[in-house]
Amino acid sequence: MNDPRTRTAAELETRVAGLMPLARAELGELVAFQSVADPRQYPRAECERAAEWVRARFAEPGFTDARTITTADGSDAVVGSRPCADPEAPTVLLYAHYDVQPPLDEAAWRTPPFQLSEVDGRWYGRGSADCKGNIIMHLTALRALAGDIPVHLKLVVEGSEEQGTGGLERLVAAEPDLLRADAILVCDTGNAAVGRPATTISLRGMVNVVVTVEALAAQLHSGMFGGAAPDALAALVHMLATLRDRAGNTTVRGLRSDQNWTGEQYPPDRFRRDAGVLDGVEVLGTVSDMLWARPAVTILGIDCPPVVGSSAAISPRAAARLNLRVPPGTDPVEAEAALTLHLRAAAPWGVRITVETEAIGAPFRAAQDGPAYRAVAAAMDEAYGTPMTTLGQGGSIPLCAVLADTYPAAEIILMGVEEPRSLIHAPNESVSPAEIASMALAEALFLRRYASLHAA
């Protein structure tokens, strides 16, 4: 009889290729769920249906105890386990999330956002890459192994990652044994480019605040009072202008802005193309440094009179929502305090300032010296035929810091099917099916390699 444990990488690759029609069909089913975890925008039932789909599909490759748990924020997480025959084998936790960002401007989509559509060899749809493509990657890897999985597996697929409401983080704190593992595959990031494998080793933390400026009891006619009366909107604009210098560096007092990134570089011409920077508009600084090693403040929104419907009146009140990203090595609580003090110090004319903190997330730096990291590097090399590189990510995954604090001995590996062309969180999100296939193969190879490296 042919022992499945002797399968070569080529044989596994053939199995993955044979599973890709099923992967496409199932990704189409997943993308069709409008699983935006905000009941103000989409019915909660959409997330419930997506969670049940995930639970049922993972029961097939052996997660027979898969179930949904309602977390503290009201969202459902799918959890389960799949033991192997060897009691001494290591435990690997597989992570993904089924909730998605809203489609934003649906008129900007070339294809219906909640319908998987193929265009020029890519699969388009909201969540196709972030993060439903990673759910399909997990399923494809497990099916390719055909039951020959030499590690204990745990699973968690959450339903509120995009909203950042912290349901899973609080579940980990309340029930730490539920997800305890030796290695954790956080599959919510991706590669440097199609065909260029990578793990993400650095995540920036974040601070979200709303700053409100009040100057007058009510609107005043700009002709009768303009010039002498303090304008709240003008004061806010002045304050916001102090947050960056001409070169684009964040200039919040108390925060360093001179760190350098030492891993894979992000070429400026590729960044310009990936980001859709208009002709003649500058790319700010060295891309890799600005994205992954330095703080960055973004103005997310402003409350003020709209252009259409505005009148010749001085604004008595204005507000802005700010997002501050901070690199590993920066305490987000200290960053919050620095941003608050900076805004207050920058306020002109004695206007009244209120700074309300919405959310804080810690940065994260992954270790690169353990057996899981060595196993995934070898698996990626074998799957892609090219060495794995390392990336930073400018975004935040607060769960990683919670996992690192709760399971300090665990290796946390960040990887996935996303890459710059995926345009996650934007209109026309897409995934390369080649990345789903290659990453599924890499995951299958990793699970086989890790068991032997862990035992050595």
Protein backbone atom coordinates (compact mmCIF):
# COMPACT_ATOMS: atom_id res chain seq x y z
CA MET A 1 0.00 0.00 0.00
CA ASN A 2 1.17 3.53 -0.70
CA ASP A 3 1.86 5.24 2.67
CA PRO A 4 0.54 8.84 2.43
CA ARG A 5 3.41 10.02 4.64
CA THR A 6 5.86 9.39 1.80
CA ARG A 7 4.16 11.87 -0.54
CA THR A 8 6.63 14.25 -2.13
CA ALA A 9 6.08 17.97 -2.45
CA ALA A 10 5.29 17.40 -6.12
CA GLU A 11 2.54 14.96 -5.19
CA LEU A 12 1.12 17.42 -2.68
CA GLU A 13 1.25 20.14 -5.33
CA THR A 14 -0.74 17.89 -7.67
CA ARG A 15 -3.33 17.33 -4.96
CA VAL A 16 -3.62 21.07 -4.33
CA ALA A 17 -4.05 21.72 -8.05
CA GLY A 18 -6.86 19.18 -8.16
CA LEU A 19 -8.57 20.93 -5.25
CA MET A 20 -8.54 24.41 -6.83
CA PRO A 21 -11.96 24.11 -8.57
CA LEU A 22 -13.46 23.32 -5.16
CA ALA A 23 -11.50 26.23 -3.66
CA ARG A 24 -13.00 28.61 -6.21
CA ALA A 25 -16.52 27.33 -5.66
CA GLU A 26 -16.24 27.59 -1.88
CA LEU A 27 -14.63 31.02 -1.97
CA GLY A 28 -17.61 32.10 -4.10
CA GLU A 29 -19.96 30.84 -1.41
CA LEU A 30 -18.02 32.66 1.32
CA VAL A 31 -17.74 35.95 -0.57
CA ALA A 32 -21.52 35.92 -1.08
CA PHE A 33 -22.04 36.37 2.67
CA GLN A 34 -22.22 40.10 3.37
CA SER A 35 -20.41 39.51 6.65
CA VAL A 36 -19.66 43.08 7.70
CA ALA A 37 -19.67 42.94 11.51
CA ASP A 38 -21.59 46.18 11.94
CA PRO A 39 -25.36 45.71 12.34
CA ARG A 40 -25.86 49.38 11.42
CA GLN A 41 -24.73 48.49 7.88
CA TYR A 42 -25.60 44.81 7.32
CA PRO A 43 -27.83 42.31 9.14
CA ARG A 44 -26.13 40.26 11.85
CA ALA A 45 -27.61 37.18 10.19
CA GLU A 46 -25.02 37.51 7.40
CA CYS A 47 -22.19 36.98 9.90
CA GLU A 48 -24.08 34.14 11.57
CA ARG A 49 -24.49 32.37 8.22
CA ALA A 50 -20.79 32.83 7.43
CA ALA A 51 -19.80 31.42 10.83
CA GLU A 52 -22.00 28.36 10.33
CA TRP A 53 -20.50 27.83 6.86
CA VAL A 54 -17.00 27.87 8.37
CA ARG A 55 -17.99 25.49 11.19
CA ALA A 56 -19.50 22.98 8.77
CA ARG A 57 -16.59 23.04 6.31
CA PHE A 58 -13.90 22.48 8.95
CA ALA A 59 -15.82 19.55 10.41
CA GLU A 60 -15.00 17.65 7.17
CA PRO A 61 -11.17 17.55 7.59
CA GLY A 62 -11.47 16.39 11.19
CA PHE A 63 -12.54 19.31 13.39
CA THR A 64 -15.52 17.27 14.53
CA ASP A 65 -15.97 19.38 17.67
CA ALA A 66 -16.04 22.68 15.73
CA ARG A 67 -18.55 25.06 17.29
CA THR A 68 -19.41 28.75 17.47
CA ILE A 69 -18.80 30.78 20.61
CA THR A 70 -20.40 34.19 21.05
CA THR A 71 -17.69 36.52 22.30
CA ALA A 72 -18.00 39.54 24.57
CA ASP A 73 -18.57 41.94 21.66
CA GLY A 74 -21.51 39.86 20.38
CA SER A 75 -19.69 38.32 17.42
CA ASP A 76 -19.33 34.59 16.80
CA ALA A 77 -15.96 32.85 16.70
CA VAL A 78 -15.63 29.34 15.28
CA VAL A 79 -13.31 27.17 17.39
CA GLY A 80 -12.36 23.52 17.18
CA SER A 81 -9.58 20.99 17.57
CA ARG A 82 -8.20 18.03 15.66
CA PRO A 83 -5.87 15.73 17.64
CA CYS A 84 -3.31 13.46 16.00
CA ALA A 85 -2.19 9.98 17.04
CA ASP A 86 1.11 11.09 18.63
CA PRO A 87 0.51 12.54 22.11
CA GLU A 88 3.97 14.15 22.03
CA ALA A 89 3.33 16.01 18.77
CA PRO A 90 3.24 19.82 18.88
CA THR A 91 0.01 21.81 18.66
CA VAL A 92 -0.58 24.32 15.84
CA LEU A 93 -3.36 26.92 15.99
CA LEU A 94 -4.82 28.02 12.64
CA TYR A 95 -6.30 31.54 12.62
CA ALA A 96 -8.37 33.51 10.12
CA HIS A 97 -11.44 35.77 10.18
CA TYR A 98 -14.65 35.65 8.15
CA ASP A 99 -15.82 39.24 8.70
CA VAL A 100 -14.99 41.81 6.04
CA GLN A 101 -14.75 45.53 5.48
CA PRO A 102 -17.81 47.19 3.90
CA PRO A 103 -17.49 47.57 0.12
CA LEU A 104 -17.30 51.38 0.40
CA ASP A 105 -18.07 53.02 -2.95
CA GLU A 106 -19.91 50.24 -4.79
CA ALA A 107 -19.88 52.35 -7.96
CA ALA A 108 -16.07 52.08 -7.95
CA TRP A 109 -16.19 48.28 -8.17
CA ARG A 110 -15.70 46.73 -11.59
CA THR A 111 -17.59 43.62 -10.42
CA PRO A 112 -20.32 43.10 -7.78
CA PRO A 113 -18.52 43.23 -4.39
CA PHE A 114 -20.30 40.22 -2.89
CA GLN A 115 -20.04 38.02 -5.96
CA LEU A 116 -16.79 36.24 -6.77
CA SER A 117 -15.83 37.22 -10.31
CA GLU A 118 -12.80 36.28 -12.40
CA VAL A 119 -11.08 39.08 -14.33
CA ASP A 120 -7.68 38.65 -16.03
CA GLY A 121 -6.89 35.56 -13.96
CA ARG A 122 -7.69 37.10 -10.56
CA TRP A 123 -10.71 36.44 -8.36
CA TYR A 124 -12.52 39.64 -7.32
CA GLY A 125 -14.87 40.19 -4.39
CA ARG A 126 -14.94 41.67 -0.91
CA GLY A 127 -13.01 39.37 1.40
CA SER A 128 -11.53 37.31 -1.45
CA ALA A 129 -8.09 38.03 0.03
CA ASP A 130 -8.83 39.55 3.45
CA CYS A 131 -9.53 37.15 4.91
CA LYS A 132 -11.83 34.58 3.30
CA GLY A 133 -9.06 33.58 0.90
CA ASN A 134 -7.05 32.47 3.92
CA ILE A 135 -9.94 30.33 5.17
CA ILE A 136 -9.91 28.57 1.78
CA MET A 137 -6.12 28.26 2.01
CA HIS A 138 -6.46 26.39 5.34
CA LEU A 139 -9.12 24.06 3.98
CA THR A 140 -7.12 23.32 0.82
CA ALA A 141 -3.95 22.55 2.81
CA LEU A 142 -5.77 20.16 5.14
CA ARG A 143 -7.55 18.41 2.28
CA ALA A 144 -4.27 18.01 0.38
CA LEU A 145 -2.81 16.15 3.35
CA ALA A 146 -5.75 13.74 3.16
CA GLY A 147 -5.84 13.02 6.88
CA ASP A 148 -2.06 12.62 7.26
CA ILE A 149 -1.50 15.53 9.67
CA PRO A 150 1.30 14.79 12.17
CA VAL A 151 0.49 17.62 14.60
CA HIS A 152 -2.39 18.45 16.90
CA LEU A 153 -4.48 21.24 15.39
CA LYS A 154 -6.63 23.95 16.90
CA LEU A 155 -8.78 26.37 14.93
CA VAL A 156 -10.18 29.82 15.49
CA VAL A 157 -11.97 31.88 12.83
CA GLU A 158 -13.29 35.09 14.32
CA GLY A 159 -16.05 37.42 13.22
CA SER A 160 -15.11 40.94 14.35
CA GLU A 161 -11.47 41.51 13.39
CA GLU A 162 -12.26 44.33 10.97
CA GLN A 163 -14.35 46.22 13.52
CA GLY A 164 -11.59 45.99 16.14
CA THR A 165 -14.06 45.45 18.98
CA GLY A 166 -11.82 42.91 20.72
CA GLY A 167 -14.19 39.99 21.17
CA LEU A 168 -11.57 37.33 20.49
CA GLU A 169 -8.92 39.10 22.54
CA ARG A 170 -11.21 39.00 25.57
CA LEU A 171 -12.02 35.34 24.89
CA VAL A 172 -8.30 34.49 24.94
CA ALA A 173 -7.91 36.30 28.25
CA ALA A 174 -10.95 34.60 29.78
CA GLU A 175 -10.23 31.06 28.49
CA PRO A 176 -6.48 30.84 27.79
CA ASP A 177 -6.40 27.04 27.47
CA LEU A 178 -8.89 27.12 24.60
CA LEU A 179 -6.34 28.32 22.03
CA ARG A 180 -3.06 27.39 23.70
CA ALA A 181 -0.56 26.08 21.12
CA ASP A 182 3.14 25.70 20.36
CA ALA A 183 2.86 27.51 17.04
CA ILE A 184 0.18 29.92 15.85
CA LEU A 185 -0.40 30.62 12.16
CA VAL A 186 -2.06 34.03 12.01
CA CYS A 187 -3.18 33.97 8.40
CA ASP A 188 -4.21 37.58 7.86
CA THR A 189 -1.20 39.03 6.05
CA GLY A 190 0.56 38.05 2.85
CA ASN A 191 3.46 38.09 0.43
CA ALA A 192 5.74 40.73 -1.02
CA ALA A 193 4.25 40.10 -4.48
CA VAL A 194 2.61 37.28 -6.38
CA GLY A 195 5.12 34.43 -6.33
CA ARG A 196 7.38 36.09 -3.70
CA PRO A 197 6.69 34.38 -0.35
CA ALA A 198 7.01 36.23 2.93
CA THR A 199 6.16 36.21 6.57
CA THR A 200 5.29 39.41 8.38
CA ILE A 201 7.52 39.95 11.41
CA SER A 202 6.48 43.46 12.46
CA LEU A 203 3.11 45.11 13.05
CA ARG A 204 2.54 48.69 14.05
CA GLY A 205 0.25 49.41 16.95
CA MET A 206 -2.38 52.10 16.79
CA VAL A 207 -4.13 54.86 18.68
CA ASN A 208 -7.46 56.28 17.51
CA VAL A 209 -8.66 59.59 18.95
CA VAL A 210 -11.33 62.18 18.22
CA VAL A 211 -10.27 65.78 18.85
CA THR A 212 -13.02 68.36 19.21
CA VAL A 213 -12.49 72.13 19.07
CA GLU A 214 -15.06 74.64 20.44
CA ALA A 215 -14.70 78.39 20.08
CA LEU A 216 -18.13 80.06 19.90
CA ALA A 217 -21.58 79.61 21.37
CA ALA A 218 -23.15 79.54 17.88
CA GLN A 219 -22.45 80.25 14.20
CA LEU A 220 -21.68 83.85 13.37
CA HIS A 221 -21.96 85.76 10.09
CA SER A 222 -18.48 85.87 8.52
CA GLY A 223 -19.03 89.39 7.23
CA MET A 224 -20.02 90.88 10.56
CA PHE A 225 -17.66 88.90 12.81
CA GLY A 226 -14.99 87.28 10.59
CA GLY A 227 -11.43 88.25 11.46
CA ALA A 228 -11.90 88.94 15.15
CA ALA A 229 -14.03 85.92 16.06
CA PRO A 230 -12.06 82.67 16.57
CA ASP A 231 -12.94 80.10 13.89
CA ALA A 232 -13.06 76.57 15.34
CA LEU A 233 -12.47 74.96 11.95
CA ALA A 234 -9.47 77.19 11.25
CA ALA A 235 -8.10 76.31 14.69
CA LEU A 236 -8.52 72.61 13.95
CA VAL A 237 -6.80 72.96 10.57
CA HIS A 238 -3.89 74.73 12.27
CA MET A 239 -3.59 71.91 14.82
CA LEU A 240 -3.72 69.17 12.21
CA ALA A 241 -1.06 70.88 10.12
CA THR A 242 1.44 70.51 12.99
CA LEU A 243 1.22 66.70 12.90
CA ARG A 244 3.47 66.31 9.81
CA ASP A 245 6.37 68.23 8.29
CA ARG A 246 6.93 69.10 4.63
CA ALA A 247 8.66 65.75 3.99
CA GLY A 248 5.69 63.83 5.40
CA ASN A 249 7.32 62.81 8.67
CA THR A 250 5.03 62.58 11.68
CA THR A 251 6.04 65.33 14.11
CA VAL A 252 4.14 64.47 17.29
CA ARG A 253 6.33 65.70 20.13
CA GLY A 254 7.73 62.80 22.13
CA LEU A 255 7.61 60.26 19.28
CA ARG A 256 10.75 59.29 17.35
CA SER A 257 10.47 59.46 13.58
CA ASP A 258 13.96 58.41 12.46
CA GLN A 259 13.86 54.59 12.62
CA ASN A 260 14.89 52.46 9.63
CA TRP A 261 13.49 49.16 8.28
CA THR A 262 16.13 46.45 7.74
CA GLY A 263 14.03 43.71 6.06
CA GLU A 264 12.59 43.46 2.54
CA GLN A 265 12.41 46.88 0.92
CA TYR A 266 9.31 48.22 -0.82
CA PRO A 267 10.46 49.79 -4.11
CA PRO A 268 8.97 53.28 -4.51
CA ASP A 269 7.90 52.69 -8.11
CA ARG A 270 5.97 49.58 -7.08
CA PHE A 271 4.46 51.41 -4.11
CA ARG A 272 3.39 54.26 -6.40
CA ARG A 273 1.65 51.74 -8.65
CA ASP A 274 0.14 49.70 -5.79
CA ALA A 275 -1.13 52.80 -3.98
CA GLY A 276 -2.42 54.57 -7.09
CA VAL A 277 -0.37 57.73 -6.42
CA LEU A 278 -1.25 60.30 -9.07
CA ASP A 279 1.33 61.50 -11.60
CA GLY A 280 3.36 64.36 -10.21
CA VAL A 281 2.43 63.62 -6.58
CA GLU A 282 5.35 62.72 -4.29
CA VAL A 283 5.82 59.44 -2.46
CA LEU A 284 6.77 60.43 1.07
CA GLY A 285 10.19 59.36 2.37
CA THR A 286 11.68 55.88 2.10
CA VAL A 287 8.63 53.67 1.70
CA SER A 288 9.69 50.76 3.93
CA ASP A 289 10.79 53.09 6.73
CA MET A 290 7.60 55.13 6.58
CA LEU A 291 5.31 52.09 6.47
CA TRP A 292 6.92 49.68 8.91
CA ALA A 293 9.45 51.43 11.16
CA ARG A 294 8.09 54.91 11.96
CA PRO A 295 4.96 56.43 13.46
CA ALA A 296 2.37 57.75 11.03
CA VAL A 297 -0.67 59.89 11.75
CA THR A 298 -3.67 59.89 9.40
CA ILE A 299 -6.69 62.18 9.45
CA LEU A 300 -9.58 59.75 9.04
CA GLY A 301 -12.43 62.23 9.02
CA ILE A 302 -13.50 65.78 9.85
CA ASP A 303 -16.81 67.07 11.16
CA CYS A 304 -17.43 70.46 9.58
CA PRO A 305 -19.95 72.07 7.22
CA PRO A 306 -19.95 70.39 3.78
CA VAL A 307 -19.15 72.49 0.71
CA VAL A 308 -22.64 72.03 -0.70
CA GLY A 309 -25.04 73.72 1.68
CA SER A 310 -22.43 75.78 3.53
CA SER A 311 -23.12 79.42 4.31
CA ALA A 312 -21.14 82.56 5.06
CA ALA A 313 -20.77 81.60 8.71
CA ILE A 314 -17.90 81.02 11.14
CA SER A 315 -17.82 77.48 12.56
CA PRO A 316 -18.31 77.42 16.33
CA ARG A 317 -17.25 73.75 16.58
CA ALA A 318 -15.22 71.25 14.55
CA ALA A 319 -13.84 67.75 15.15
CA ALA A 320 -11.42 65.30 13.55
CA ARG A 321 -10.85 61.57 13.93
CA LEU A 322 -7.18 60.65 13.92
CA ASN A 323 -5.35 57.34 13.54
CA LEU A 324 -1.78 57.13 14.84
CA ARG A 325 0.26 54.04 13.88
CA VAL A 326 3.31 53.25 16.03
CA PRO A 327 6.14 50.74 15.36
CA PRO A 328 7.41 48.01 17.69
CA GLY A 329 9.41 49.55 20.50
CA THR A 330 6.88 52.35 21.04
CA ASP A 331 4.42 52.04 23.93
CA PRO A 332 0.96 52.86 22.54
CA VAL A 333 -0.18 54.29 25.88
CA GLU A 334 2.76 56.68 25.83
CA ALA A 335 1.98 57.47 22.20
CA GLU A 336 -1.63 58.29 23.14
CA ALA A 337 -0.41 60.66 25.84
CA ALA A 338 2.07 62.29 23.45
CA LEU A 339 -0.59 62.82 20.78
CA THR A 340 -3.04 64.29 23.28
CA LEU A 341 -0.44 66.68 24.69
CA HIS A 342 0.65 67.70 21.20
CA LEU A 343 -2.89 68.55 20.13
CA ARG A 344 -3.55 70.57 23.25
CA ALA A 345 -0.26 72.47 22.89
CA ALA A 346 -0.96 73.19 19.20
CA ALA A 347 -4.42 74.67 19.81
CA PRO A 348 -4.43 78.45 19.07
CA TRP A 349 -6.39 81.31 20.58
CA GLY A 350 -7.37 79.52 23.79
CA VAL A 351 -10.03 77.42 22.05
CA ARG A 352 -11.52 74.59 24.11
CA ILE A 353 -10.12 71.14 23.27
CA THR A 354 -11.50 67.70 24.01
CA VAL A 355 -9.52 64.58 23.06
CA GLU A 356 -11.43 61.31 23.31
CA THR A 357 -9.53 58.02 22.89
CA GLU A 358 -11.46 55.43 20.88
CA ALA A 359 -9.00 52.54 20.74
CA ILE A 360 -5.43 51.51 21.52
CA GLY A 361 -3.58 48.52 20.06
CA ALA A 362 -0.06 47.34 20.87
CA PRO A 363 2.61 46.81 18.18
CA PHE A 364 4.10 43.36 17.65
CA ARG A 365 7.44 41.86 16.66
CA ALA A 366 7.69 38.15 15.81
CA ALA A 367 10.59 35.92 16.84
CA GLN A 368 12.60 34.31 14.03
CA ASP A 369 14.73 31.76 15.89
CA GLY A 370 12.40 28.83 16.61
CA PRO A 371 11.51 25.54 14.90
CA ALA A 372 8.20 26.84 13.55
CA TYR A 373 9.91 29.75 11.82
CA ARG A 374 12.55 27.44 10.35
CA ALA A 375 9.84 25.03 9.20
CA VAL A 376 7.76 27.71 7.50
CA ALA A 377 10.84 29.19 5.79
CA ALA A 378 11.75 25.77 4.37
CA ALA A 379 8.14 25.08 3.37
CA MET A 380 7.81 28.40 1.53
CA ASP A 381 11.11 27.83 -0.25
CA GLU A 382 9.94 24.39 -1.40
CA ALA A 383 6.45 25.56 -2.39
CA TYR A 384 7.57 28.64 -4.34
CA GLY A 385 11.06 27.63 -5.45
CA THR A 386 12.43 30.88 -4.03
CA PRO A 387 13.54 31.90 -0.52
CA MET A 388 11.05 33.42 1.90
CA THR A 389 11.58 37.06 2.80
CA THR A 390 10.33 39.11 5.75
CA LEU A 391 7.97 42.07 5.70
CA GLY A 392 6.53 44.60 8.06
CA GLN A 393 2.92 45.63 8.02
CA GLY A 394 1.78 49.14 8.67
CA GLY A 395 -1.59 47.95 9.92
CA SER A 396 -2.38 46.53 13.32
CA ILE A 397 -3.54 43.11 14.49
CA PRO A 398 -4.09 43.69 18.24
CA LEU A 399 -4.76 39.98 18.72
CA CYS A 400 -1.06 39.22 18.09
CA ALA A 401 0.06 41.16 21.15
CA VAL A 402 -2.60 39.42 23.25
CA LEU A 403 -1.50 36.01 21.96
CA ALA A 404 2.15 36.83 22.67
CA ASP A 405 1.34 37.93 26.23
CA THR A 406 -0.92 34.94 26.91
CA TYR A 407 1.28 32.29 25.29
CA PRO A 408 4.86 33.60 25.66
CA ALA A 409 6.40 30.25 24.61
CA ALA A 410 4.39 30.05 21.37
CA GLU A 411 5.84 30.98 17.99
CA ILE A 412 3.54 33.33 16.10
CA ILE A 413 3.83 33.21 12.29
CA LEU A 414 2.02 35.83 10.22
CA MET A 415 1.36 34.82 6.63
CA GLY A 416 -1.40 34.54 4.06
CA VAL A 417 -2.63 34.95 0.50
CA GLU A 418 -2.72 38.75 0.38
CA GLU A 419 -0.21 40.82 -1.64
CA PRO A 420 -0.16 44.45 -2.80
CA ARG A 421 -2.36 43.90 -5.86
CA SER A 422 -5.11 42.51 -3.61
CA LEU A 423 -6.20 46.05 -2.64
CA ILE A 424 -7.61 44.86 0.67
CA HIS A 425 -10.10 47.28 2.31
CA ALA A 426 -10.50 49.10 -1.02
CA PRO A 427 -12.87 48.71 -3.95
CA ASN A 428 -11.94 45.90 -6.35
CA GLU A 429 -10.34 43.66 -3.75
CA SER A 430 -9.00 40.51 -5.39
CA VAL A 431 -6.84 37.45 -4.83
CA SER A 432 -4.53 35.53 -7.11
CA PRO A 433 -5.63 31.88 -7.25
CA ALA A 434 -1.94 31.02 -7.68
CA GLU A 435 -1.30 32.47 -4.22
CA ILE A 436 -4.08 30.38 -2.68
CA ALA A 437 -2.57 27.26 -4.27
CA SER A 438 1.04 28.05 -3.37
CA MET A 439 0.23 29.11 0.20
CA ALA A 440 -1.93 26.00 0.72
CA LEU A 441 0.99 23.89 -0.43
CA ALA A 442 3.35 25.80 1.87
CA GLU A 443 1.01 25.28 4.82
CA ALA A 444 0.71 21.54 4.13
CA LEU A 445 4.50 21.24 3.88
CA PHE A 446 4.91 23.27 7.07
CA LEU A 447 2.63 20.99 9.08
CA ARG A 448 4.72 17.98 8.02
CA ARG A 449 8.09 19.63 8.64
CA TYR A 450 7.21 21.25 11.95
CA ALA A 451 6.40 17.95 13.62
CA SER A 452 9.89 16.59 12.91
CA LEU A 453 11.73 19.82 13.76
CA HIS A 454 9.81 20.17 17.02
CA ALA A 455 10.76 16.63 18.02
CA ALA A 456 14.45 17.08 17.16
